[in-house]
Amino acid sequence: MRLIWSLLCCMLLAACSTPRQAAVPMSATVLSAKPARIGVAMSTMPKVDTYFPGASCLLCKAAASVANTALTAHVQTLPSDDLLSLKEEAAALLRKKGHEVVVIAEAIDIDALPDRTDSLPNAARKDFSALGRQYKLDKLLVIQIARVGVNRTYNSYIPSGDPQGMVSGAGYLVNLDGQGYDWYRTVRQLRSASGNWDEGPSYPGLSNAYFQAIEGARDAFLKPLN
């Protein structure tokens, strides 16, 4: 009986889990077709911070946090302005292709948007139609930053790698006529320090790796729009 309940729970979890969105390449005709009115939006920017994947239990997380107190204090002082400028740069690239572009000034809280009721493949899971109506858009380009800062992997209480500069998120172009993706790609940039990373309190090698991760993320978001 216990085995049956375990199998049922596993099946229920599998049924309820959301499948990962596959990449949707930017085809040559998406941005070269007839001019469209395209909105450019950016998600709410997370604070620059440290992340310790693998330190999964509460005590593990506490131990990792304490062991990296000085590093976290430094990382939280690092700027992320070069990511904030992505919205205007993306808009400029779209205008060069002849599109009418509306830059949405306010950051978009993606999680607060309503879920869509259908589950079509390669379509947005959130409902962007209200933004489309508000700004009279044909399409919406979204730059979504999930995490920015420094990533250090752990195996329970023990670090399993050196810290790395990190930016993760996704970029996607939603066709608001049906809300299918014209383009979708996840972005995850990790950069290691050249040489010794543990040079507190300013951590120059790791700070440089952080800025390299930001630059790599910028290229990943903007290159498909060129």
Protein backbone atom coordinates (compact mmCIF):
# COMPACT_ATOMS: atom_id res chain seq x y z
CA MET A 1 0.00 0.00 0.00
CA ARG A 2 2.82 2.41 0.84
CA LEU A 3 4.44 1.67 -2.52
CA ILE A 4 1.17 2.38 -4.34
CA TRP A 5 0.77 5.71 -2.57
CA SER A 6 4.36 6.63 -3.43
CA LEU A 7 3.79 5.83 -7.10
CA LEU A 8 0.56 7.84 -7.12
CA CYS A 9 2.31 10.84 -5.58
CA CYS A 10 5.09 10.65 -8.17
CA MET A 11 2.56 10.49 -10.99
CA LEU A 12 0.66 13.48 -9.56
CA LEU A 13 3.82 15.54 -9.27
CA ALA A 14 4.84 14.67 -12.81
CA ALA A 15 1.40 15.66 -14.11
CA CYS A 16 1.45 18.98 -12.26
CA SER A 17 5.01 19.98 -13.16
CA THR A 18 5.43 22.65 -15.82
CA PRO A 19 7.59 21.51 -18.75
CA ARG A 20 10.61 23.61 -19.56
CA GLN A 21 10.10 25.91 -22.53
CA ALA A 22 12.27 24.83 -25.45
CA ALA A 23 14.27 27.39 -27.40
CA VAL A 24 12.49 29.09 -30.30
CA PRO A 25 15.08 30.43 -32.75
CA MET A 26 14.67 33.89 -34.24
CA SER A 27 13.89 33.16 -37.88
CA ALA A 28 15.23 35.41 -40.62
CA THR A 29 11.73 36.64 -41.47
CA VAL A 30 10.42 37.55 -37.98
CA LEU A 31 11.98 41.00 -37.86
CA SER A 32 12.36 41.57 -41.60
CA ALA A 33 8.66 41.17 -42.34
CA LYS A 34 6.29 44.13 -42.54
CA PRO A 35 6.85 46.75 -39.82
CA ALA A 36 5.06 46.07 -36.53
CA ARG A 37 4.36 48.01 -33.38
CA ILE A 38 6.59 46.31 -30.82
CA GLY A 39 6.73 46.95 -27.10
CA VAL A 40 9.97 46.41 -25.21
CA ALA A 41 9.63 45.50 -21.55
CA MET A 42 11.92 44.36 -18.80
CA SER A 43 11.11 42.34 -15.72
CA THR A 44 11.65 43.64 -12.21
CA MET A 45 15.40 43.56 -11.66
CA PRO A 46 16.46 41.25 -8.81
CA LYS A 47 19.00 42.56 -6.36
CA VAL A 48 22.61 41.58 -6.95
CA ASP A 49 23.30 38.72 -4.55
CA THR A 50 25.08 35.43 -3.88
CA TYR A 51 23.48 32.05 -4.60
CA PHE A 52 24.46 28.67 -3.19
CA PRO A 53 22.77 25.86 -5.16
CA GLY A 54 23.26 22.47 -3.55
CA ALA A 55 23.10 23.85 0.00
CA SER A 56 19.57 22.55 0.16
CA CYS A 57 18.74 22.00 3.83
CA LEU A 58 18.13 24.91 6.22
CA LEU A 59 21.33 24.27 8.17
CA CYS A 60 23.29 23.91 4.91
CA LYS A 61 21.99 27.26 3.69
CA ALA A 62 22.84 28.91 7.00
CA ALA A 63 26.37 27.44 6.96
CA ALA A 64 26.96 28.59 3.36
CA SER A 65 25.64 32.06 4.17
CA VAL A 66 27.92 32.43 7.21
CA ALA A 67 30.98 31.07 5.37
CA ASN A 68 30.48 33.62 2.57
CA THR A 69 29.47 36.66 4.64
CA ALA A 70 32.28 38.89 3.39
CA LEU A 71 31.78 37.79 -0.21
CA THR A 72 28.04 38.49 -0.06
CA ALA A 73 28.62 41.93 1.45
CA HIS A 74 30.88 42.81 -1.49
CA VAL A 75 28.67 41.28 -4.18
CA GLN A 76 25.68 43.28 -2.98
CA THR A 77 27.61 46.51 -3.72
CA LEU A 78 28.17 45.62 -7.40
CA PRO A 79 26.15 47.61 -9.96
CA SER A 80 23.81 46.10 -12.54
CA ASP A 81 23.27 49.25 -14.62
CA ASP A 82 24.58 47.63 -17.80
CA LEU A 83 21.64 45.24 -17.69
CA LEU A 84 19.13 48.05 -17.14
CA SER A 85 20.27 49.68 -20.39
CA LEU A 86 19.25 46.58 -22.40
CA LYS A 87 15.73 47.87 -22.92
CA GLU A 88 16.77 51.03 -24.75
CA GLU A 89 19.44 49.20 -26.76
CA ALA A 90 16.98 46.54 -27.87
CA ALA A 91 14.53 49.27 -28.87
CA ALA A 92 17.20 50.98 -30.98
CA LEU A 93 17.94 47.75 -32.86
CA LEU A 94 14.26 47.19 -33.60
CA ARG A 95 13.84 50.76 -34.86
CA LYS A 96 16.75 50.22 -37.26
CA LYS A 97 14.70 47.43 -38.82
CA GLY A 98 11.81 49.81 -39.43
CA HIS A 99 9.53 48.85 -36.55
CA GLU A 100 7.55 51.27 -34.43
CA VAL A 101 8.82 50.72 -30.90
CA VAL A 102 7.24 51.52 -27.55
CA VAL A 103 9.58 51.29 -24.58
CA ILE A 104 7.53 50.38 -21.50
CA ALA A 105 9.03 52.49 -18.75
CA GLU A 106 7.89 50.55 -15.70
CA ALA A 107 9.42 47.19 -14.78
CA ILE A 108 7.01 44.29 -15.32
CA ASP A 109 6.31 41.89 -12.48
CA ILE A 110 6.04 38.73 -14.57
CA ASP A 111 4.83 36.59 -11.67
CA ALA A 112 1.93 38.97 -11.03
CA LEU A 113 0.56 38.59 -14.56
CA PRO A 114 -2.38 36.19 -14.94
CA ASP A 115 -1.68 32.69 -16.20
CA ARG A 116 -3.11 31.77 -19.58
CA THR A 117 -5.83 29.15 -19.51
CA ASP A 118 -4.64 27.21 -22.57
CA SER A 119 -1.33 25.36 -22.80
CA LEU A 120 -0.33 25.55 -26.43
CA PRO A 121 3.28 24.62 -27.27
CA ASN A 122 5.71 27.51 -27.80
CA ALA A 123 3.27 30.04 -26.40
CA ALA A 124 3.56 32.38 -23.44
CA ARG A 125 2.39 30.92 -20.15
CA LYS A 126 1.56 34.38 -18.82
CA ASP A 127 -1.15 36.56 -20.34
CA PHE A 128 0.37 39.69 -21.90
CA SER A 129 -2.84 40.78 -23.62
CA ALA A 130 -3.51 43.64 -21.18
CA LEU A 131 -0.14 45.20 -22.02
CA GLY A 132 -0.90 44.71 -25.70
CA ARG A 133 -4.18 46.58 -25.39
CA GLN A 134 -2.73 49.32 -23.18
CA TYR A 135 0.08 50.16 -25.60
CA LYS A 136 -1.68 49.05 -28.84
CA LEU A 137 1.04 46.51 -29.63
CA ASP A 138 1.42 43.80 -32.24
CA LYS A 139 4.31 42.14 -30.42
CA LEU A 140 6.08 42.38 -27.07
CA LEU A 141 9.78 41.81 -26.48
CA VAL A 142 10.47 40.81 -22.88
CA ILE A 143 13.87 40.80 -21.20
CA GLN A 144 13.49 38.79 -18.02
CA ILE A 145 16.37 38.74 -15.53
CA ALA A 146 15.96 36.01 -12.90
CA ARG A 147 19.27 36.18 -11.04
CA VAL A 148 22.35 38.37 -11.11
CA GLY A 149 25.39 38.16 -8.86
CA VAL A 150 27.71 35.34 -7.85
CA ASN A 151 26.96 31.62 -7.90
CA ARG A 152 28.83 29.07 -5.76
CA THR A 153 27.82 25.42 -5.87
CA TYR A 154 27.64 23.35 -2.70
CA ASN A 155 27.29 19.70 -1.77
CA SER A 156 25.26 20.07 1.42
CA TYR A 157 27.66 21.91 3.78
CA ILE A 158 30.74 21.75 1.54
CA PRO A 159 31.52 24.05 -1.41
CA SER A 160 31.97 22.01 -4.58
CA GLY A 161 33.35 24.80 -6.75
CA ASP A 162 34.74 28.31 -6.76
CA PRO A 163 32.32 31.26 -6.98
CA GLN A 164 31.45 32.48 -10.47
CA GLY A 165 29.89 35.65 -11.79
CA MET A 166 26.38 34.85 -12.99
CA VAL A 167 23.43 36.26 -14.90
CA SER A 168 20.40 34.10 -15.68
CA GLY A 169 17.04 34.78 -17.25
CA ALA A 170 15.23 34.60 -20.57
CA GLY A 171 14.49 36.74 -23.59
CA TYR A 172 11.37 36.29 -25.71
CA LEU A 173 9.28 37.96 -28.38
CA VAL A 174 5.55 37.35 -27.96
CA ASN A 175 3.23 37.70 -30.95
CA LEU A 176 0.17 39.15 -29.24
CA ASP A 177 -2.11 37.68 -31.91
CA GLY A 178 -2.36 34.33 -30.12
CA GLN A 179 0.59 34.96 -27.75
CA GLY A 180 2.89 32.47 -29.42
CA TYR A 181 6.65 32.91 -29.19
CA ASP A 182 8.36 34.34 -32.28
CA TRP A 183 11.59 33.91 -30.31
CA TYR A 184 12.53 32.40 -26.97
CA ARG A 185 15.88 31.65 -25.39
CA THR A 186 17.09 31.09 -21.88
CA VAL A 187 20.20 32.98 -20.84
CA ARG A 188 22.66 31.67 -18.29
CA GLN A 189 26.10 33.20 -18.20
CA LEU A 190 28.74 31.94 -15.74
CA ARG A 191 32.24 33.37 -15.62
CA SER A 192 35.15 32.26 -13.43
CA ALA A 193 37.81 34.54 -12.01
CA SER A 194 41.17 34.39 -13.74
CA GLY A 195 43.61 33.52 -11.00
CA ASN A 196 42.71 33.58 -7.31
CA TRP A 197 39.13 34.62 -6.61
CA ASP A 198 39.48 34.94 -2.80
CA GLU A 199 41.05 38.38 -2.53
CA GLY A 200 38.73 40.19 -0.13
CA PRO A 201 37.48 42.66 0.64
CA SER A 202 37.30 43.94 -2.97
CA TYR A 203 37.57 40.56 -4.78
CA PRO A 204 38.97 42.08 -8.01
CA GLY A 205 39.19 38.81 -9.96
CA LEU A 206 35.67 37.71 -9.09
CA SER A 207 34.28 41.21 -9.64
CA ASN A 208 35.77 41.15 -13.13
CA ALA A 209 34.14 37.76 -13.73
CA TYR A 210 30.81 39.25 -12.65
CA PHE A 211 31.09 42.04 -15.22
CA GLN A 212 32.10 39.50 -17.87
CA ALA A 213 28.92 37.54 -17.10
CA ILE A 214 26.88 40.73 -17.55
CA GLU A 215 28.56 41.41 -20.89
CA GLY A 216 27.92 37.84 -22.03
CA ALA A 217 24.26 38.16 -21.07
CA ARG A 218 23.96 41.45 -22.95
CA ASP A 219 25.32 39.80 -26.10
CA ALA A 220 22.94 36.85 -25.69
CA PHE A 221 19.91 39.15 -25.42
CA LEU A 222 20.86 41.61 -28.18
CA LYS A 223 22.59 39.51 -30.86
CA PRO A 224 19.37 37.92 -32.19
CA LEU A 225 17.94 41.43 -32.79
CA ASN A 226 20.80 42.54 -35.03
